[in-house]
PDB file of N, CA and C in Angstrom:
ATOM      1  N   UNK A   1      28.081-182.140 150.623  1.00  0.00           N
ATOM      2  CA  UNK A   1      29.241-183.303 151.371  1.00  0.00           C
ATOM      3  C   UNK A   1      28.035-184.931 151.142  1.00  0.00           C
ATOM      4  N   UNK A   2      29.044-185.092 150.214  1.00  0.00           N
ATOM      5  CA  UNK A   2      28.940-186.773 149.866  1.00  0.00           C
ATOM      6  C   UNK A   2      27.770-187.812 150.749  1.00  0.00           C
ATOM      7  N   UNK A   3      27.377-188.320 149.380  1.00  0.00           N
ATOM      8  CA  UNK A   3      26.509-189.331 151.350  1.00  0.00           C
ATOM      9  C   UNK A   3      27.065-190.684 150.570  1.00  0.00           C
ATOM     10  N   UNK A   4      27.589-191.024 150.068  1.00  0.00           N
ATOM     11  CA  UNK A   4      28.625-191.953 150.438  1.00  0.00           C
ATOM     12  C   UNK A   4      28.503-192.488 151.136  1.00  0.00           C
ATOM     13  N   UNK A   5      29.719-191.844 152.532  1.00  0.00           N
ATOM     14  CA  UNK A   5      29.527-191.994 153.372  1.00  0.00           C
ATOM     15  C   UNK A   5      28.474-193.151 154.083  1.00  0.00           C
ATOM     16  N   UNK A   6      27.490-193.631 153.909  1.00  0.00           N
ATOM     17  CA  UNK A   6      25.764-194.132 154.345  1.00  0.00           C
ATOM     18  C   UNK A   6      26.435-195.272 153.723  1.00  0.00           C
ATOM     19  N   UNK A   7      26.889-195.670 152.879  1.00  0.00           N
ATOM     20  CA  UNK A   7      27.429-197.116 152.705  1.00  0.00           C
ATOM     21  C   UNK A   7      28.214-197.894 153.009  1.00  0.00           C
ATOM     22  N   UNK A   8      28.731-197.344 154.076  1.00  0.00           N
ATOM     23  CA  UNK A   8      29.551-197.816 154.632  1.00  0.00           C
ATOM     24  C   UNK A   8      28.763-198.521 156.115  1.00  0.00           C
ATOM     25  N   UNK A   9      29.214-199.996 155.728  1.00  0.00           N
ATOM     26  CA  UNK A   9      28.283-201.384 156.737  1.00  0.00           C
ATOM     27  C   UNK A   9      29.442-201.759 157.424  1.00  0.00           C
ATOM     28  N   UNK A  10      28.411-200.505 158.858  1.00  0.00           N
ATOM     29  CA  UNK A  10      29.357-200.230 159.976  1.00  0.00           C
ATOM     30  C   UNK A  10      28.531-199.350 160.391  1.00  0.00           C
ATOM     31  N   UNK A  11      28.462-200.159 162.476  1.00  0.00           N
ATOM     32  CA  UNK A  11      27.349-200.025 163.488  1.00  0.00           C
ATOM     33  C   UNK A  11      27.502-198.497 163.842  1.00  0.00           C
ATOM     34  N   UNK A  12      26.142-198.223 164.683  1.00  0.00           N
ATOM     35  CA  UNK A  12      26.892-197.031 165.339  1.00  0.00           C
ATOM     36  C   UNK A  12      27.862-196.730 166.023  1.00  0.00           C
ATOM     37  N   UNK A  13      29.027-195.748 166.031  1.00  0.00           N
ATOM     38  CA  UNK A  13      30.336-196.181 167.118  1.00  0.00           C
ATOM     39  C   UNK A  13      30.131-196.023 168.487  1.00  0.00           C
ATOM     40  N   UNK A  14      28.223-196.271 169.524  1.00  0.00           N
ATOM     41  CA  UNK A  14      28.216-196.711 170.700  1.00  0.00           C
ATOM     42  C   UNK A  14      28.392-198.454 170.127  1.00  0.00           C
ATOM     43  N   UNK A  15      28.244-199.069 169.807  1.00  0.00           N
ATOM     44  CA  UNK A  15      27.739-200.735 169.383  1.00  0.00           C
ATOM     45  C   UNK A  15      29.237-201.166 169.259  1.00  0.00           C
ATOM     46  N   UNK A  16      29.970-200.576 167.980  1.00  0.00           N
ATOM     47  CA  UNK A  16      30.660-200.731 167.945  1.00  0.00           C
ATOM     48  C   UNK A  16      32.299-199.330 167.513  1.00  0.00           C
ATOM     49  N   UNK A  17      32.400-198.888 168.429  1.00  0.00           N
ATOM     50  CA  UNK A  17      33.360-198.027 168.471  1.00  0.00           C
ATOM     51  C   UNK A  17      35.124-197.403 167.397  1.00  0.00           C
ATOM     52  N   UNK A  18      34.426-196.338 166.975  1.00  0.00           N
ATOM     53  CA  UNK A  18      35.378-195.630 165.936  1.00  0.00           C
ATOM     54  C   UNK A  18      36.241-194.720 166.350  1.00  0.00           C
ATOM     55  N   UNK A  19      37.488-194.879 166.120  1.00  0.00           N
ATOM     56  CA  UNK A  19      39.490-194.383 166.472  1.00  0.00           C
ATOM     57  C   UNK A  19      38.139-192.679 166.321  1.00  0.00           C
ATOM     58  N   UNK A  20      38.263-191.292 166.816  1.00  0.00           N
ATOM     59  CA  UNK A  20      38.297-190.678 168.077  1.00  0.00           C
ATOM     60  C   UNK A  20      35.928-189.523 166.976  1.00  0.00           C
ATOM     61  N   UNK A  21      35.472-190.661 167.308  1.00  0.00           N
ATOM     62  CA  UNK A  21      34.124-190.137 166.562  1.00  0.00           C
ATOM     63  C   UNK A  21      33.974-189.377 168.612  1.00  0.00           C
ATOM     64  N   UNK A  22      33.644-188.192 167.450  1.00  0.00           N
ATOM     65  CA  UNK A  22      33.092-187.610 168.535  1.00  0.00           C
ATOM     66  C   UNK A  22      31.205-186.810 168.696  1.00  0.00           C
ATOM     67  N   UNK A  23      30.689-186.810 167.803  1.00  0.00           N
ATOM     68  CA  UNK A  23      28.951-186.988 167.625  1.00  0.00           C
ATOM     69  C   UNK A  23      28.966-187.270 166.952  1.00  0.00           C
ATOM     70  N   UNK A  24      27.944-188.060 166.442  1.00  0.00           N
ATOM     71  CA  UNK A  24      26.529-189.189 165.888  1.00  0.00           C
ATOM     72  C   UNK A  24      24.764-188.089 166.129  1.00  0.00           C
ATOM     73  N   UNK A  25      24.489-189.184 165.127  1.00  0.00           N
ATOM     74  CA  UNK A  25      22.560-189.069 165.149  1.00  0.00           C
ATOM     75  C   UNK A  25      22.696-189.703 164.118  1.00  0.00           C
ATOM     76  N   UNK A  26      21.619-191.192 165.029  1.00  0.00           N
ATOM     77  CA  UNK A  26      20.226-192.510 163.707  1.00  0.00           C
ATOM     78  C   UNK A  26      19.196-192.079 164.484  1.00  0.00           C
ATOM     79  N   UNK A  27      19.457-192.626 162.303  1.00  0.00           N
ATOM     80  CA  UNK A  27      18.001-192.452 161.433  1.00  0.00           C
ATOM     81  C   UNK A  27      17.625-193.623 161.607  1.00  0.00           C
ATOM     82  N   UNK A  28      16.068-193.653 161.131  1.00  0.00           N
ATOM     83  CA  UNK A  28      15.911-194.537 160.691  1.00  0.00           C
ATOM     84  C   UNK A  28      15.544-194.953 159.076  1.00  0.00           C
ATOM     85  N   UNK A  29      15.636-194.135 158.553  1.00  0.00           N
ATOM     86  CA  UNK A  29      15.472-193.877 156.637  1.00  0.00           C
ATOM     87  C   UNK A  29      16.115-193.228 156.159  1.00  0.00           C
ATOM     88  N   UNK A  30      17.023-193.439 155.975  1.00  0.00           N
ATOM     89  CA  UNK A  30      18.166-193.452 155.528  1.00  0.00           C
ATOM     90  C   UNK A  30      17.305-191.583 154.411  1.00  0.00           C
ATOM     91  N   UNK A  31      16.953-191.258 154.269  1.00  0.00           N
ATOM     92  CA  UNK A  31      16.337-190.271 153.803  1.00  0.00           C
ATOM     93  C   UNK A  31      16.380-189.264 154.736  1.00  0.00           C
ATOM     94  N   UNK A  32      16.217-189.356 156.181  1.00  0.00           N
ATOM     95  CA  UNK A  32      16.395-188.317 157.168  1.00  0.00           C
ATOM     96  C   UNK A  32      17.825-188.323 157.311  1.00  0.00           C
ATOM     97  N   UNK A  33      18.929-188.985 157.439  1.00  0.00           N
ATOM     98  CA  UNK A  33      20.646-188.788 157.080  1.00  0.00           C
ATOM     99  C   UNK A  33      20.718-188.541 156.190  1.00  0.00           C
ATOM    100  N   UNK A  34      20.421-188.523 154.903  1.00  0.00           N
ATOM    101  CA  UNK A  34      20.453-187.855 153.554  1.00  0.00           C
ATOM    102  C   UNK A  34      20.690-186.406 153.678  1.00  0.00           C
ATOM    103  N   UNK A  35      18.963-186.151 154.266  1.00  0.00           N
ATOM    104  CA  UNK A  35      18.753-184.733 154.241  1.00  0.00           C
ATOM    105  C   UNK A  35      19.887-183.702 155.506  1.00  0.00           C
ATOM    106  N   UNK A  36      19.948-184.346 156.945  1.00  0.00           N
ATOM    107  CA  UNK A  36      20.611-183.827 157.509  1.00  0.00           C
ATOM    108  C   UNK A  36      22.393-184.488 157.243  1.00  0.00           C
ATOM    109  N   UNK A  37      23.021-184.860 156.732  1.00  0.00           N
ATOM    110  CA  UNK A  37      24.295-185.137 156.267  1.00  0.00           C
ATOM    111  C   UNK A  37      23.978-183.557 154.892  1.00  0.00           C
ATOM    112  N   UNK A  38      23.051-183.628 155.144  1.00  0.00           N
ATOM    113  CA  UNK A  38      23.596-182.053 153.810  1.00  0.00           C
ATOM    114  C   UNK A  38      23.582-181.059 153.850  1.00  0.00           C
ATOM    115  N   UNK A  39      23.487-180.845 155.794  1.00  0.00           N
ATOM    116  CA  UNK A  39      23.390-179.810 155.663  1.00  0.00           C
ATOM    117  C   UNK A  39      23.409-179.466 156.972  1.00  0.00           C
ATOM    118  N   UNK A  40      24.657-180.473 158.107  1.00  0.00           N
ATOM    119  CA  UNK A  40      25.753-180.513 158.653  1.00  0.00           C
ATOM    120  C   UNK A  40      27.482-179.665 157.928  1.00  0.00           C
ATOM    121  N   UNK A  41      27.766-178.649 158.742  1.00  0.00           N
ATOM    122  CA  UNK A  41      28.658-178.019 158.209  1.00  0.00           C
ATOM    123  C   UNK A  41      30.287-178.639 159.227  1.00  0.00           C
ATOM    124  N   UNK A  42      31.115-178.750 158.461  1.00  0.00           N
ATOM    125  CA  UNK A  42      32.248-178.531 159.785  1.00  0.00           C
ATOM    126  C   UNK A  42      33.839-178.147 159.194  1.00  0.00           C
ATOM    127  N   UNK A  43      34.262-178.305 160.492  1.00  0.00           N
ATOM    128  CA  UNK A  43      35.591-177.258 160.246  1.00  0.00           C
ATOM    129  C   UNK A  43      36.187-177.958 159.804  1.00  0.00           C
ATOM    130  N   UNK A  44      38.151-177.320 159.509  1.00  0.00           N
ATOM    131  CA  UNK A  44      39.193-178.201 158.799  1.00  0.00           C
ATOM    132  C   UNK A  44      39.163-179.089 160.290  1.00  0.00           C
ATOM    133  N   UNK A  45      39.357-180.136 160.372  1.00  0.00           N
ATOM    134  CA  UNK A  45      40.979-180.945 161.554  1.00  0.00           C
ATOM    135  C   UNK A  45      39.412-181.983 162.458  1.00  0.00           C
ATOM    136  N   UNK A  46      38.551-181.785 160.809  1.00  0.00           N
ATOM    137  CA  UNK A  46      37.516-182.556 161.440  1.00  0.00           C
ATOM    138  C   UNK A  46      36.457-183.470 160.183  1.00  0.00           C
ATOM    139  N   UNK A  47      36.529-185.472 160.596  1.00  0.00           N
ATOM    140  CA  UNK A  47      35.564-185.618 159.286  1.00  0.00           C
ATOM    141  C   UNK A  47      34.213-186.115 159.106  1.00  0.00           C
ATOM    142  N   UNK A  48      33.609-186.283 158.437  1.00  0.00           N
ATOM    143  CA  UNK A  48      31.906-186.970 158.414  1.00  0.00           C
ATOM    144  C   UNK A  48      32.435-187.871 158.112  1.00  0.00           C
ATOM    145  N   UNK A  49      31.644-188.787 159.038  1.00  0.00           N
ATOM    146  CA  UNK A  49      31.861-191.000 158.370  1.00  0.00           C
ATOM    147  C   UNK A  49      30.269-190.683 158.861  1.00  0.00           C
ATOM    148  N   UNK A  50      30.020-192.213 158.940  1.00  0.00           N
ATOM    149  CA  UNK A  50      28.362-192.519 158.359  1.00  0.00           C
ATOM    150  C   UNK A  50      28.423-193.900 157.946  1.00  0.00           C
ATOM    151  N   UNK A  51      27.515-194.643 158.221  1.00  0.00           N
ATOM    152  CA  UNK A  51      27.740-196.335 158.527  1.00  0.00           C
ATOM    153  C   UNK A  51      26.256-195.901 157.839  1.00  0.00           C
ATOM    154  N   UNK A  52      26.068-197.741 157.522  1.00  0.00           N
ATOM    155  CA  UNK A  52      24.339-198.132 158.326  1.00  0.00           C
ATOM    156  C   UNK A  52      24.465-199.380 158.590  1.00  0.00           C
ATOM    157  N   UNK A  53      23.005-199.729 159.266  1.00  0.00           N
ATOM    158  CA  UNK A  53      23.542-201.527 159.436  1.00  0.00           C
ATOM    159  C   UNK A  53      21.647-201.694 160.646  1.00  0.00           C
ATOM    160  N   UNK A  54      22.114-202.387 161.147  1.00  0.00           N
ATOM    161  CA  UNK A  54      20.436-203.550 161.652  1.00  0.00           C
ATOM    162  C   UNK A  54      20.362-203.878 162.841  1.00  0.00           C
ATOM    163  N   UNK A  55      19.924-203.174 163.313  1.00  0.00           N
ATOM    164  CA  UNK A  55      19.387-203.978 165.139  1.00  0.00           C
ATOM    165  C   UNK A  55      18.066-205.153 165.081  1.00  0.00           C
ATOM    166  N   UNK A  56      16.983-204.741 166.253  1.00  0.00           N
ATOM    167  CA  UNK A  56      16.125-205.641 165.970  1.00  0.00           C
ATOM    168  C   UNK A  56      14.999-204.631 166.206  1.00  0.00           C
ATOM    169  N   UNK A  57      14.815-204.168 165.867  1.00  0.00           N
ATOM    170  CA  UNK A  57      13.759-203.239 165.733  1.00  0.00           C
ATOM    171  C   UNK A  57      14.547-203.081 163.458  1.00  0.00           C
ATOM    172  N   UNK A  58      15.482-203.090 162.976  1.00  0.00           N
ATOM    173  CA  UNK A  58      14.909-202.530 161.350  1.00  0.00           C
ATOM    174  C   UNK A  58      16.905-201.674 161.538  1.00  0.00           C
ATOM    175  N   UNK A  59      16.957-202.030 160.367  1.00  0.00           N
ATOM    176  CA  UNK A  59      17.824-201.089 159.219  1.00  0.00           C
ATOM    177  C   UNK A  59      17.890-199.497 159.790  1.00  0.00           C
ATOM    178  N   UNK A  60      19.165-199.286 160.516  1.00  0.00           N
ATOM    179  CA  UNK A  60      19.591-197.874 160.341  1.00  0.00           C
ATOM    180  C   UNK A  60      20.491-196.775 159.224  1.00  0.00           C
ATOM    181  N   UNK A  61      20.413-195.865 159.007  1.00  0.00           N
ATOM    182  CA  UNK A  61      21.866-195.220 159.242  1.00  0.00           C
ATOM    183  C   UNK A  61      22.312-194.222 160.073  1.00  0.00           C
ATOM    184  N   UNK A  62      23.650-194.076 160.299  1.00  0.00           N
ATOM    185  CA  UNK A  62      24.001-192.375 160.718  1.00  0.00           C
ATOM    186  C   UNK A  62      25.134-191.797 160.738  1.00  0.00           C
ATOM    187  N   UNK A  63      24.905-190.919 161.565  1.00  0.00           N
ATOM    188  CA  UNK A  63      25.806-189.720 160.399  1.00  0.00           C
ATOM    189  C   UNK A  63      26.624-189.299 161.572  1.00  0.00           C
ATOM    190  N   UNK A  64      28.394-189.275 161.255  1.00  0.00           N
ATOM    191  CA  UNK A  64      29.290-188.368 163.338  1.00  0.00           C
ATOM    192  C   UNK A  64      30.183-187.897 162.020  1.00  0.00           C
ATOM    193  N   UNK A  65      30.919-187.419 163.972  1.00  0.00           N
ATOM    194  CA  UNK A  65      32.237-186.638 163.001  1.00  0.00           C
ATOM    195  C   UNK A  65      33.102-187.319 163.427  1.00  0.00           C
ATOM    196  N   UNK A  66      34.762-187.216 163.323  1.00  0.00           N
ATOM    197  CA  UNK A  66      35.341-187.471 164.004  1.00  0.00           C
ATOM    198  C   UNK A  66      36.694-186.728 163.451  1.00  0.00           C
ATOM    199  N   UNK A  67      37.273-186.631 164.357  1.00  0.00           N
ATOM    200  CA  UNK A  67      38.680-185.345 164.765  1.00  0.00           C
ATOM    201  C   UNK A  67      39.849-185.782 164.814  1.00  0.00           C
ATOM    202  N   UNK A  68      40.748-185.156 164.778  1.00  0.00           N
ATOM    203  CA  UNK A  68      41.742-186.215 164.347  1.00  0.00           C
ATOM    204  C   UNK A  68      42.015-186.151 165.966  1.00  0.00           C
ATOM    205  N   UNK A  69      42.066-185.955 166.966  1.00  0.00           N
ATOM    206  CA  UNK A  69      43.000-185.920 168.264  1.00  0.00           C
ATOM    207  C   UNK A  69      41.761-185.573 169.993  1.00  0.00           C
ATOM    208  N   UNK A  70      41.187-186.338 170.532  1.00  0.00           N
ATOM    209  CA  UNK A  70      40.339-186.795 171.559  1.00  0.00           C
ATOM    210  C   UNK A  70      40.680-185.693 172.630  1.00  0.00           C
ATOM    211  N   UNK A  71      41.724-185.769 172.906  1.00  0.00           N
ATOM    212  CA  UNK A  71      42.982-185.007 173.773  1.00  0.00           C
ATOM    213  C   UNK A  71      42.683-183.132 172.939  1.00  0.00           C
ATOM    214  N   UNK A  72      42.433-183.058 171.868  1.00  0.00           N
ATOM    215  CA  UNK A  72      43.147-181.752 171.567  1.00  0.00           C
ATOM    216  C   UNK A  72      41.550-180.197 171.432  1.00  0.00           C
ATOM    217  N   UNK A  73      40.798-182.157 171.041  1.00  0.00           N
ATOM    218  CA  UNK A  73      39.238-181.609 170.809  1.00  0.00           C
ATOM    219  C   UNK A  73      38.348-180.808 172.373  1.00  0.00           C
ATOM    220  N   UNK A  74      39.348-182.563 173.307  1.00  0.00           N
ATOM    221  CA  UNK A  74      38.115-181.667 174.560  1.00  0.00           C
ATOM    222  C   UNK A  74      38.006-183.565 175.350  1.00  0.00           C
ATOM    223  N   UNK A  75      37.168-183.230 176.281  1.00  0.00           N
ATOM    224  CA  UNK A  75      36.773-184.332 177.368  1.00  0.00           C
ATOM    225  C   UNK A  75      36.232-185.462 176.466  1.00  0.00           C
ATOM    226  N   UNK A  76      36.435-186.592 177.027  1.00  0.00           N
ATOM    227  CA  UNK A  76      35.863-187.784 176.349  1.00  0.00           C
ATOM    228  C   UNK A  76      34.680-187.697 176.640  1.00  0.00           C
ATOM    229  N   UNK A  77      34.412-187.172 177.935  1.00  0.00           N
ATOM    230  CA  UNK A  77      32.860-187.490 178.594  1.00  0.00           C
ATOM    231  C   UNK A  77      31.921-187.118 177.666  1.00  0.00           C
ATOM    232  N   UNK A  78      32.756-185.365 176.840  1.00  0.00           N
ATOM    233  CA  UNK A  78      31.717-184.901 176.170  1.00  0.00           C
ATOM    234  C   UNK A  78      31.028-185.590 175.435  1.00  0.00           C
ATOM    235  N   UNK A  79      31.332-186.330 174.309  1.00  0.00           N
ATOM    236  CA  UNK A  79      30.871-187.071 173.667  1.00  0.00           C
ATOM    237  C   UNK A  79      29.931-186.885 173.170  1.00  0.00           C
ATOM    238  N   UNK A  80      28.678-186.520 172.488  1.00  0.00           N
ATOM    239  CA  UNK A  80      27.478-185.675 171.731  1.00  0.00           C
ATOM    240  C   UNK A  80      26.826-188.033 171.234  1.00  0.00           C
ATOM    241  N   UNK A  81      25.782-188.219 171.365  1.00  0.00           N
ATOM    242  CA  UNK A  81      25.207-188.838 170.766  1.00  0.00           C
ATOM    243  C   UNK A  81      24.475-189.543 170.709  1.00  0.00           C
ATOM    244  N   UNK A  82      23.969-188.481 170.260  1.00  0.00           N
ATOM    245  CA  UNK A  82      21.789-189.471 169.303  1.00  0.00           C
ATOM    246  C   UNK A  82      21.450-190.120 169.335  1.00  0.00           C
ATOM    247  N   UNK A  83      21.219-190.788 169.522  1.00  0.00           N
ATOM    248  CA  UNK A  83      20.332-192.447 169.006  1.00  0.00           C
ATOM    249  C   UNK A  83      20.920-193.415 169.556  1.00  0.00           C
ATOM    250  N   UNK A  84      21.787-193.434 171.310  1.00  0.00           N
ATOM    251  CA  UNK A  84      22.888-193.737 170.792  1.00  0.00           C
ATOM    252  C   UNK A  84      21.603-195.706 171.201  1.00  0.00           C
ATOM    253  N   UNK A  85      22.472-196.348 171.242  1.00  0.00           N
ATOM    254  CA  UNK A  85      21.934-198.226 172.217  1.00  0.00           C
ATOM    255  C   UNK A  85      22.190-198.390 173.090  1.00  0.00           C
ATOM    256  N   UNK A  86      21.413-198.720 173.795  1.00  0.00           N
ATOM    257  CA  UNK A  86      21.241-198.527 175.251  1.00  0.00           C
ATOM    258  C   UNK A  86      21.158-198.339 176.204  1.00  0.00           C
ATOM    259  N   UNK A  87      20.592-196.521 175.839  1.00  0.00           N
ATOM    260  CA  UNK A  87      20.196-195.221 176.274  1.00  0.00           C
ATOM    261  C   UNK A  87      18.683-195.291 176.260  1.00  0.00           C
TER     262      UNK A  87
END
């Protein structure tokens, strides 16, 4: 998968929501995000998303998954957020 999504200037979805984002992981080092991205496999109907931003600690990168329909995917409370700000 392309690493270009890490160039997107966008906060992690828990801080700046993205439609139908259902899973994401946050990384403090770009290399960790790249390594994770290289290992993610998704089925048809899913899309890898990602980006970078910064907070009071410093820079971060994130990788996530977007589905075409939350209703078809499952319950919105089942959204998996690793590295969500505010936890």
